[in-house]
């Protein structure tokens, strides 16, 4: 089962995040084979982390909750909240298999939350620039709640355009970069 996990940083938590960096990476190393994508969202300065995205394939919702809430930054109070939902990998690949590579270009997390449960998209839009794309689902995968995408695009406006206008109650776009050990 695939899950989308987005931890949003608590204001002022950067020093604690930096202190825990090795513990975070060591924790994520345990899930290397299960990770589909990972990396920080960035504040408007393009450098300061504002959250962490992890898309992971785990056995069940209980394992996903343990993954999200046992993470060292979460345990220490770096994050203010966690969005954890089932997800379906419509591209069938990991971020490491993205034809455009792990570096270069502007990258974004695009989250579209639906106004009400509805049928999930069955295919992504044009795939050029899509690193990851899939519906956000209820724990039992029967209700579509929104869509999450990782996108390489010229700017945030172009990234937003990967989601169909009018289908979502709200669309968030965050600067994002591929994560992992440097």
Protein backbone atom coordinates (compact mmCIF):
# COMPACT_ATOMS: atom_id res chain seq x y z
CA UNK A 1 0.00 0.00 0.00
CA UNK A 2 1.34 3.39 -0.95
CA UNK A 3 1.09 6.37 1.37
CA UNK A 4 1.71 10.10 1.03
CA UNK A 5 3.19 11.72 4.13
CA UNK A 6 3.76 15.46 4.46
CA UNK A 7 5.18 16.81 7.72
CA UNK A 8 4.95 20.63 7.97
CA UNK A 9 7.60 22.33 10.08
CA UNK A 10 6.76 24.23 13.23
CA UNK A 11 7.84 27.90 13.00
CA UNK A 12 11.29 28.40 14.52
CA UNK A 13 12.21 24.70 14.45
CA UNK A 14 15.13 24.95 12.00
CA UNK A 15 17.90 24.67 14.66
CA UNK A 16 16.30 21.49 16.04
CA UNK A 17 15.82 20.12 12.52
CA UNK A 18 19.52 20.71 11.78
CA UNK A 19 20.54 19.06 15.05
CA UNK A 20 18.49 15.96 14.18
CA UNK A 21 19.53 15.68 10.52
CA UNK A 22 21.65 12.53 10.90
CA UNK A 23 18.99 10.84 13.06
CA UNK A 24 16.36 11.67 10.40
CA UNK A 25 18.51 10.25 7.59
CA UNK A 26 19.38 7.14 9.60
CA UNK A 27 15.67 6.59 10.24
CA UNK A 28 14.87 7.01 6.53
CA UNK A 29 17.73 4.65 5.58
CA UNK A 30 15.67 1.88 7.20
CA UNK A 31 12.96 2.50 4.56
CA UNK A 32 15.23 2.84 1.51
CA UNK A 33 13.50 0.04 -0.44
CA UNK A 34 10.01 1.30 0.43
CA UNK A 35 10.51 4.95 -0.52
CA UNK A 36 8.96 6.17 -3.79
CA UNK A 37 9.94 9.82 -3.26
CA UNK A 38 11.30 12.02 -0.52
CA UNK A 39 12.56 15.52 0.09
CA UNK A 40 12.01 18.83 1.83
CA UNK A 41 9.63 21.58 0.90
CA UNK A 42 11.31 24.96 1.04
CA UNK A 43 10.32 28.40 2.33
CA UNK A 44 10.12 31.36 -0.05
CA UNK A 45 13.88 31.98 0.32
CA UNK A 46 14.39 28.72 -1.61
CA UNK A 47 16.79 27.38 1.01
CA UNK A 48 15.09 26.99 4.41
CA UNK A 49 13.17 23.73 4.90
CA UNK A 50 9.46 24.19 5.60
CA UNK A 51 8.39 20.54 5.65
CA UNK A 52 9.21 17.00 4.54
CA UNK A 53 7.52 14.85 1.90
CA UNK A 54 7.77 11.06 1.95
CA UNK A 55 5.89 8.77 -0.40
CA UNK A 56 6.32 5.24 0.84
CA UNK A 57 5.04 1.72 0.15
CA UNK A 58 4.17 -0.03 3.44
CA UNK A 59 2.05 -3.04 4.38
CA UNK A 60 -0.92 -1.24 5.97
CA UNK A 61 -2.19 1.99 7.54
CA UNK A 62 -0.79 1.05 10.97
CA UNK A 63 2.72 0.71 9.51
CA UNK A 64 2.27 4.07 7.75
CA UNK A 65 1.23 5.76 10.99
CA UNK A 66 4.24 4.26 12.77
CA UNK A 67 6.49 5.48 9.93
CA UNK A 68 5.11 9.03 10.16
CA UNK A 69 4.89 9.40 13.93
CA UNK A 70 8.07 7.54 14.98
CA UNK A 71 10.22 9.76 12.71
CA UNK A 72 12.82 11.58 14.90
CA UNK A 73 11.81 15.11 13.83
CA UNK A 74 8.18 14.33 14.62
CA UNK A 75 9.11 12.87 18.00
CA UNK A 76 11.23 15.94 18.88
CA UNK A 77 8.62 18.54 17.87
CA UNK A 78 10.13 19.86 14.62
CA UNK A 79 6.81 19.37 12.83
CA UNK A 80 3.55 21.16 13.58
CA UNK A 81 1.31 18.67 11.76
CA UNK A 82 1.25 15.62 9.52
CA UNK A 83 -0.84 14.87 6.45
CA UNK A 84 -0.87 11.08 6.01
CA UNK A 85 -3.11 9.52 3.36
CA UNK A 86 -3.20 6.51 1.10
CA UNK A 87 -1.81 7.30 -2.34
CA UNK A 88 -1.69 5.49 -5.68
CA UNK A 89 1.41 5.71 -7.87
CA UNK A 90 -0.09 6.41 -11.30
CA UNK A 91 3.36 6.79 -12.88
CA UNK A 92 4.59 3.41 -11.62
CA UNK A 93 8.10 4.64 -10.82
CA UNK A 94 10.17 6.23 -8.07
CA UNK A 95 11.69 9.70 -8.11
CA UNK A 96 15.05 8.05 -8.80
CA UNK A 97 13.61 6.74 -12.08
CA UNK A 98 12.36 10.16 -13.24
CA UNK A 99 13.82 10.64 -16.76
CA UNK A 100 14.76 14.25 -15.93
CA UNK A 101 17.13 13.23 -13.13
CA UNK A 102 17.33 14.35 -9.52
CA UNK A 103 18.76 17.83 -10.09
CA UNK A 104 18.14 20.81 -12.31
CA UNK A 105 15.06 22.90 -12.84
CA UNK A 106 12.48 24.13 -10.38
CA UNK A 107 10.63 21.43 -8.48
CA UNK A 108 7.36 21.67 -6.61
CA UNK A 109 4.97 19.75 -4.42
CA UNK A 110 1.41 20.31 -5.65
CA UNK A 111 -1.45 19.29 -3.33
CA UNK A 112 -5.04 19.51 -4.47
CA UNK A 113 -7.68 18.71 -1.87
CA UNK A 114 -11.08 17.81 -3.19
CA UNK A 115 -14.24 19.61 -2.09
CA UNK A 116 -15.87 16.24 -1.37
CA UNK A 117 -15.07 12.59 -2.00
CA UNK A 118 -15.28 11.88 -5.75
CA UNK A 119 -13.92 9.41 -8.30
CA UNK A 120 -10.12 9.38 -8.34
CA UNK A 121 -8.22 10.31 -11.50
CA UNK A 122 -7.24 7.18 -13.40
CA UNK A 123 -4.40 8.69 -15.44
CA UNK A 124 -2.14 11.66 -14.93
CA UNK A 125 -2.17 14.65 -17.25
CA UNK A 126 0.68 15.04 -19.73
CA UNK A 127 3.59 13.35 -17.96
CA UNK A 128 6.36 15.72 -19.05
CA UNK A 129 7.85 17.08 -15.83
CA UNK A 130 5.93 14.78 -13.49
CA UNK A 131 8.21 13.16 -10.93
CA UNK A 132 5.36 11.57 -8.95
CA UNK A 133 1.60 11.79 -9.39
CA UNK A 134 -1.35 10.09 -7.75
CA UNK A 135 -4.65 10.38 -5.92
CA UNK A 136 -4.90 10.90 -2.17
CA UNK A 137 -7.28 8.30 -0.79
CA UNK A 138 -9.04 7.23 2.40
CA UNK A 139 -7.39 4.45 4.45
CA UNK A 140 -9.51 1.81 2.69
CA UNK A 141 -8.77 3.42 -0.72
CA UNK A 142 -12.47 3.76 -1.53
CA UNK A 143 -12.78 7.56 -1.33
CA UNK A 144 -10.78 10.07 -3.39
CA UNK A 145 -9.76 13.01 -1.20
CA UNK A 146 -7.39 14.87 -3.51
CA UNK A 147 -4.22 14.56 -5.57
CA UNK A 148 -0.51 14.93 -4.80
CA UNK A 149 2.16 15.55 -7.42
CA UNK A 150 5.88 16.26 -7.47
CA UNK A 151 6.62 18.34 -10.55
CA UNK A 152 9.57 19.87 -12.37
CA UNK A 153 8.27 23.06 -13.97
CA UNK A 154 9.43 26.58 -14.86
CA UNK A 155 7.56 28.10 -11.91
CA UNK A 156 4.85 27.52 -9.29
CA UNK A 157 2.08 28.65 -11.65
CA UNK A 158 3.04 26.03 -14.25
CA UNK A 159 3.26 23.41 -11.49
CA UNK A 160 -0.27 24.27 -10.34
CA UNK A 161 -1.54 23.63 -13.86
CA UNK A 162 -0.93 19.86 -13.55
CA UNK A 163 -4.17 19.70 -11.54
CA UNK A 164 -7.47 20.29 -13.29
CA UNK A 165 -8.96 23.65 -12.27
CA UNK A 166 -12.40 23.46 -10.70
CA UNK A 167 -11.94 19.94 -9.36
CA UNK A 168 -10.28 21.02 -6.09
CA UNK A 169 -11.42 23.07 -3.11
CA UNK A 170 -7.84 24.25 -2.67
CA UNK A 171 -4.50 23.77 -4.41
CA UNK A 172 -1.22 24.33 -2.57
CA UNK A 173 2.12 24.67 -4.36
CA UNK A 174 5.37 24.41 -2.40
CA UNK A 175 8.96 24.61 -3.59
CA UNK A 176 10.44 21.12 -3.19
CA UNK A 177 13.71 19.32 -3.83
CA UNK A 178 14.65 15.66 -4.11
CA UNK A 179 15.85 14.51 -0.71
CA UNK A 180 18.23 12.05 0.80
CA UNK A 181 21.79 12.04 1.96
CA UNK A 182 24.07 14.58 0.31
